[in-house]
Protein backbone atom coordinates (compact mmCIF):
# COMPACT_ATOMS: atom_id res chain seq x y z
CA MET A 1 125.72 84.16 106.75
CA ALA A 2 124.89 84.36 102.70
CA SER A 3 124.46 81.49 100.66
CA SER A 4 123.52 81.26 96.96
CA VAL A 5 120.20 80.03 96.44
CA ASN A 6 118.47 79.04 93.04
CA LEU A 7 114.95 79.89 93.98
CA GLU A 8 112.24 82.00 91.46
CA HIS A 9 110.58 85.06 92.93
CA VAL A 10 108.81 87.66 92.02
CA CYS A 11 110.22 90.81 93.57
CA PRO A 12 107.50 93.22 95.30
CA ALA A 13 109.25 96.40 93.69
CA CYS A 14 109.82 96.19 89.91
CA GLY A 15 107.40 92.93 89.85
CA ALA A 16 110.07 91.33 87.99
CA PHE A 17 111.04 86.95 88.53
CA GLY A 18 114.34 86.54 89.12
CA CYS A 19 117.31 84.65 91.15
CA GLY A 20 119.70 86.21 93.66
CA ASN A 21 121.74 85.63 97.05
CA ALA A 22 119.98 84.59 100.34
CA LEU A 23 121.25 86.95 103.18
CA SER A 24 120.31 85.78 106.78
CA VAL A 25 120.25 89.09 108.88
CA PRO A 26 120.01 89.09 112.76
CA ASP A 27 118.36 92.12 114.81
CA HIS A 28 121.48 94.28 115.99
CA GLU A 29 118.97 97.25 117.41
CA TYR A 30 116.72 95.30 119.74
CA ALA A 31 118.46 91.87 120.22
CA LEU A 32 115.21 89.95 119.13
CA GLU A 33 116.23 86.15 118.40
CA ARG A 34 114.62 86.29 115.22
CA HIS A 35 116.69 85.99 111.77
CA ALA A 36 114.87 87.31 108.97
CA VAL A 37 116.17 86.16 105.08
CA TYR A 38 116.64 88.49 102.28
CA VAL A 39 116.53 87.51 98.41
CA THR A 40 117.62 90.77 96.29
CA CYS A 41 116.25 90.91 93.28
CA ALA A 42 118.35 90.27 90.01
CA THR A 43 116.52 92.67 87.87
CA CYS A 44 116.01 96.02 90.14
CA SER A 45 118.87 94.69 93.10
CA THR A 46 115.74 95.51 95.57
CA ALA A 47 116.31 93.55 98.82
CA PHE A 48 113.19 91.49 99.97
CA GLN A 49 112.27 89.06 103.05
CA ASP A 50 111.67 85.29 101.74
CA PRO A 51 109.13 84.42 103.37
CA MET A 52 107.78 87.71 103.77
CA PRO A 53 105.94 87.94 106.90
CA LYS A 54 102.21 88.26 107.53
CA GLU A 55 100.93 91.82 108.63
CA GLN A 56 99.36 90.12 112.17
CA GLU A 57 103.56 88.77 112.54
CA LEU A 58 104.64 92.34 112.12
CA THR A 59 103.01 93.76 115.30
CA SER A 60 105.14 92.06 117.36
CA LEU A 61 108.65 92.38 116.30
CA TYR A 62 108.12 96.05 117.83
CA PRO A 63 109.01 96.43 121.20
CA VAL A 64 107.42 98.77 123.79
CA ASN A 65 110.77 101.03 123.52
CA TYR A 66 110.75 100.87 119.45
CA HIS A 67 112.49 104.09 119.06
CA SER A 68 109.32 105.72 116.65
CA VAL A 69 107.11 105.62 119.94
CA GLU A 70 109.48 106.99 122.50
CA ARG A 71 110.58 110.81 120.72
CA GLY A 72 111.59 113.67 123.13
CA GLY A 73 114.09 116.18 123.49
CA LEU A 74 115.71 118.67 121.11
CA LEU A 75 116.85 116.58 118.49
CA THR A 76 113.63 115.44 117.89
CA GLN A 77 112.26 118.71 117.75
CA ILE A 78 114.96 119.89 115.30
CA ARG A 79 113.98 116.41 112.89
CA TYR A 80 109.84 118.15 113.33
CA ASP A 81 110.67 121.66 112.86
CA MET A 82 113.00 120.86 109.70
CA ARG A 83 110.12 117.91 108.56
CA ILE A 84 107.17 120.34 109.27
CA ARG A 85 109.12 123.05 107.02
CA HIS A 86 109.52 120.43 104.24
CA LEU A 87 105.57 120.19 104.15
CA LYS A 88 104.33 123.46 103.81
CA ASN A 89 106.34 123.73 100.39
CA LEU A 90 104.52 120.57 99.33
CA VAL A 91 101.01 121.19 100.05
CA GLN A 92 99.32 123.66 98.21
CA GLY A 93 95.19 123.53 97.97
CA GLY A 94 92.62 121.73 99.89
CA GLY A 95 93.02 118.22 101.00
CA ALA A 96 94.17 116.31 104.45
CA ILE A 97 97.74 115.92 105.42
CA LEU A 98 98.28 111.06 106.15
CA ASP A 99 101.39 111.00 107.95
CA TYR A 100 101.10 106.68 106.98
CA GLY A 101 103.48 104.91 109.73
CA CYS A 102 102.80 108.25 112.73
CA GLY A 103 104.57 106.15 115.72
CA ASP A 104 103.00 108.24 118.81
CA GLY A 105 101.66 110.95 116.80
CA SER A 106 103.91 113.47 118.30
CA PHE A 107 105.04 114.97 114.88
CA LEU A 108 101.39 115.42 113.77
CA LEU A 109 100.55 117.62 116.84
CA SER A 110 103.23 119.56 116.42
CA ALA A 111 102.59 119.49 112.46
CA ALA A 112 98.87 120.43 113.31
CA LYS A 113 100.02 123.95 115.37
CA ARG A 114 102.17 125.06 113.00
CA MET A 115 99.57 124.53 110.16
CA PRO A 116 96.09 125.75 111.37
CA GLY A 117 93.24 124.86 109.03
CA ARG A 118 94.75 121.83 107.85
CA ARG A 119 93.46 118.67 108.92
CA PHE A 120 96.10 115.37 110.09
CA PHE A 121 96.10 112.19 109.61
CA GLY A 122 98.05 109.56 111.22
CA TYR A 123 97.79 105.80 111.25
CA GLU A 124 100.35 103.23 112.77
CA ILE A 125 100.10 99.51 112.84
CA GLY A 126 98.33 97.36 115.97
CA ASP A 127 97.21 94.98 116.96
CA ARG A 128 93.86 96.57 118.01
CA LEU A 129 91.18 98.69 116.41
CA GLU A 130 92.01 102.45 117.91
CA THR A 131 90.50 105.96 116.56
CA GLN A 132 91.62 108.91 118.51
CA GLU A 133 90.74 112.44 117.47
CA LEU A 134 92.75 115.31 118.78
CA LEU A 135 93.58 119.33 118.98
CA GLY A 136 89.59 119.41 118.54
CA GLY A 137 89.38 117.52 115.63
CA ALA A 138 92.59 118.90 113.92
CA VAL A 139 94.78 115.51 114.07
CA THR A 140 92.78 111.92 113.45
CA LEU A 141 95.56 108.94 114.72
CA VAL A 142 93.94 105.29 113.76
CA ARG A 143 95.85 102.06 114.56
CA GLY A 144 95.04 98.92 113.87
CA SER A 145 94.30 98.20 110.23
CA ILE A 146 94.29 99.78 106.54
CA ALA A 147 90.75 99.20 106.30
CA LYS A 148 90.47 101.20 109.34
CA LEU A 149 92.11 103.99 108.07
CA LEU A 150 90.64 104.05 104.75
CA GLU A 151 86.64 104.38 106.20
CA VAL A 152 87.82 107.51 108.14
CA LEU A 153 90.10 108.75 105.64
CA PRO A 154 89.12 112.17 103.27
CA ALA A 155 90.61 112.54 100.30
CA CYS A 156 94.70 113.86 100.64
CA ARG A 157 96.50 116.69 99.21
CA LEU A 158 99.76 115.02 100.60
CA ILE A 159 100.90 111.07 102.03
CA THR A 160 104.10 111.20 104.05
CA MET A 161 105.62 107.97 104.53
CA ASN A 162 108.69 109.03 106.24
CA HIS A 163 111.00 105.24 106.96
CA VAL A 164 107.72 103.70 106.20
CA ILE A 165 107.56 101.72 103.49
CA GLU A 166 110.38 99.52 103.64
CA HIS A 167 108.00 98.04 107.00
CA LEU A 168 105.36 97.02 104.28
CA PRO A 169 104.62 93.59 103.35
CA ASP A 170 102.80 94.17 100.37
CA PRO A 171 104.13 97.84 99.40
CA LEU A 172 102.53 97.64 95.92
CA GLY A 173 99.23 96.65 96.97
CA THR A 174 99.14 99.49 100.13
CA VAL A 175 100.34 102.55 97.77
CA THR A 176 97.89 102.02 95.50
CA GLN A 177 95.20 102.26 97.91
CA LEU A 178 96.95 105.47 99.67
CA ALA A 179 97.08 107.13 96.01
CA ASP A 180 93.23 106.55 95.37
CA ARG A 181 92.76 108.98 98.15
CA LEU A 182 94.89 111.91 96.54
CA VAL A 183 93.33 114.67 94.78
CA SER A 184 94.33 115.46 91.67
CA GLY A 185 97.78 116.80 91.88
CA GLY A 186 98.38 115.18 95.31
CA LEU A 187 101.77 113.62 96.42
CA VAL A 188 103.00 110.90 98.11
CA GLU A 189 106.66 110.93 99.26
CA GLY A 190 109.06 109.84 101.97
CA GLN A 191 112.56 108.44 102.83
CA THR A 192 114.03 105.04 103.06
CA PRO A 193 117.41 103.23 103.04
CA ALA A 194 118.23 102.14 99.43
CA ALA A 195 119.63 99.00 98.63
CA ALA A 196 122.57 98.95 96.00
CA SER A 197 124.11 101.66 98.22
CA LEU A 198 127.53 102.19 99.39
CA GLU A 199 126.95 102.08 102.82
CA HIS A 200 124.93 98.74 101.76
CA LEU A 201 128.15 97.47 100.44
CA VAL A 202 130.46 98.59 103.10
CA PHE A 203 128.32 96.97 105.99
CA GLY A 204 126.80 93.83 104.62
CA SER A 205 124.43 92.30 107.18
CA ARG A 206 125.35 94.84 109.93
CA TRP A 207 123.84 97.98 107.13
CA SER A 208 121.05 99.62 109.04
CA GLY A 209 118.53 99.40 106.09
CA TYR A 210 118.23 96.00 106.63
CA HIS A 211 116.87 97.01 110.31
CA SER A 212 116.04 93.02 110.37
CA PRO A 213 113.16 91.72 110.95
CA ARG A 214 110.90 94.97 110.83
CA HIS A 215 112.10 96.25 107.37
CA THR A 216 110.38 93.49 104.60
CA VAL A 217 111.59 95.13 101.80
CA VAL A 218 114.69 97.25 101.10
CA PHE A 219 114.22 99.07 97.65
CA SER A 220 117.23 99.94 95.44
CA ARG A 221 116.65 103.27 93.47
CA GLY A 222 115.17 101.71 90.43
CA GLY A 223 112.43 99.26 92.01
CA LEU A 224 111.30 102.12 94.21
CA LEU A 225 111.22 104.34 91.04
CA ARG A 226 109.07 100.99 89.21
CA LEU A 227 107.08 100.68 92.48
CA LEU A 228 105.81 104.08 92.28
CA GLU A 229 104.44 103.86 88.65
CA ARG A 230 103.14 100.61 89.10
CA ALA A 231 101.06 102.17 91.83
CA GLY A 232 99.82 104.77 88.89
CA LEU A 233 102.01 107.77 90.54
CA GLU A 234 103.88 109.96 87.85
CA ASP A 235 106.44 112.62 88.55
CA VAL A 236 108.50 110.48 90.35
CA GLU A 237 111.86 111.70 91.70
CA VAL A 238 113.93 109.75 94.03
CA ARG A 239 116.99 111.05 95.30
CA GLY A 240 119.87 110.84 98.08
CA ALA A 241 118.92 112.15 101.50
CA PHE A 242 120.98 113.24 104.50
CA ASN A 243 120.13 110.69 107.76
CA PRO A 244 123.09 110.39 109.62
CA ALA A 245 120.71 108.15 112.99
CA ALA A 246 120.12 105.58 109.90
CA LEU A 247 124.45 105.51 109.30
CA ALA A 248 125.01 105.84 113.02
CA VAL A 249 123.83 102.52 113.89
CA SER A 250 125.73 101.43 111.39
CA LEU A 251 128.69 102.54 112.58
CA ALA A 252 127.76 101.12 116.22
CA SER A 253 126.76 97.77 114.38
CA LEU A 254 130.35 97.51 113.79
CA LEU A 255 130.69 96.65 117.61
CA GLN A 256 128.31 93.60 117.28
CA PRO A 257 128.86 89.82 115.84
CA ALA A 258 127.71 90.09 112.21
CA ASP A 259 125.53 87.21 112.76
CA ALA A 260 124.08 87.54 116.09
CA PRO A 261 121.08 89.66 117.92
CA GLY A 262 122.73 92.71 119.52
CA LYS A 263 121.17 96.03 121.03
CA ILE A 264 122.03 99.57 119.88
CA PRO A 265 120.05 102.47 122.48
CA ARG A 266 119.68 105.65 120.90
CA ARG A 267 120.24 107.62 123.69
CA GLY A 268 123.19 108.65 126.44
CA PRO A 269 126.96 109.32 125.19
CA SER A 270 127.42 106.61 123.19
CA TRP A 271 124.78 106.91 121.46
CA LEU A 272 125.76 110.79 120.57
CA PHE A 273 129.16 109.77 119.56
CA TRP A 274 127.66 107.53 117.09
CA LEU A 275 125.77 110.08 115.72
CA GLY A 276 128.31 113.08 115.73
CA LEU A 277 130.72 109.92 113.83
CA ALA A 278 128.04 109.63 111.26
CA THR A 279 127.63 113.07 110.84
CA ALA A 280 131.08 114.09 110.28
CA LEU A 281 131.32 110.93 107.89
CA ALA A 282 127.28 111.72 105.88
CA PRO A 283 129.50 113.94 103.09
CA VAL A 284 131.50 110.88 102.06
CA ASP A 285 128.08 109.12 101.75
CA LEU A 286 126.43 111.72 100.05
CA LEU A 287 128.79 112.41 97.64
CA SER A 288 129.24 108.71 96.65
CA THR A 289 126.21 109.12 94.61
CA THR A 290 124.88 106.21 95.69
CA PRO A 291 123.91 107.06 99.63
CA GLY A 292 122.25 104.49 102.19
CA ILE A 293 119.00 106.90 102.60
CA ILE A 294 116.79 108.12 99.57
CA ASN A 295 113.95 110.63 99.44
CA PHE A 296 110.92 110.02 97.43
CA ARG A 297 108.04 112.32 95.58
CA ALA A 298 105.00 111.52 93.15
CA ARG A 299 102.75 113.07 91.76
CA ARG A 300 99.03 111.30 91.63
CA ARG A 301 97.77 110.92 87.74
CA SER A 302 95.33 113.73 86.13
CA PRO A 303 92.38 112.45 84.87
């Protein structure tokens, strides 16, 4: 349910003060009985939760069957292959690779086997501290707090944030800390939903980009560009991306009440139907010039 509010907010993306509309969004995917309220920045059109949840609260919002920790099958392997080819094109020179928001770490295990000689680190939020070394030390997984990660993280050539930056309660602080760990010329790259997109406009509170209550900040293109620059990065690129799974969730949400929780299983015949329909419609989204998913890339400034 949308309502007009007259409150001042500091946008976590661009840093501007401004007023916007408040939108209460239920959990359309995992049926948690918690609505999140999103406010839109009047300057850059980024949407963000108000009040912003604490990091400790966020750990309770991910069910045990959350899609990023239940991976397997042919579609997952195809996605992994595409990401690994992408990473190979980005890494030139020494330095580790960090997957910030690594889920169960299965992607890193696949990447380490395909990219021998490179050290991989993965981080995932958690309510307890845990560090694991896998594949003879080629892969290190850290769960818990970013402080724990920074204790063991060496200089990085690449930090990847695939559908992660929108989950952070303090994206500027987190990206700034991570950027400090990049070697000169090192890259931060990732993918995230795009506010003020065609898909956002069409689906409203049913748009998968909200992923309520787990997405804390849903960036517009301009807002994301500004955040990366504020974090000390340069050569920022933000462009449209192909991700039919996100559109599939939006389409499946049309069968649910707009203001009530619901469930969307990401497996089985019904999911394949929505995924097929989304794949057929994806070119329309991309050709709109304001697609619902964007890729981003930025480089650490040279000294």
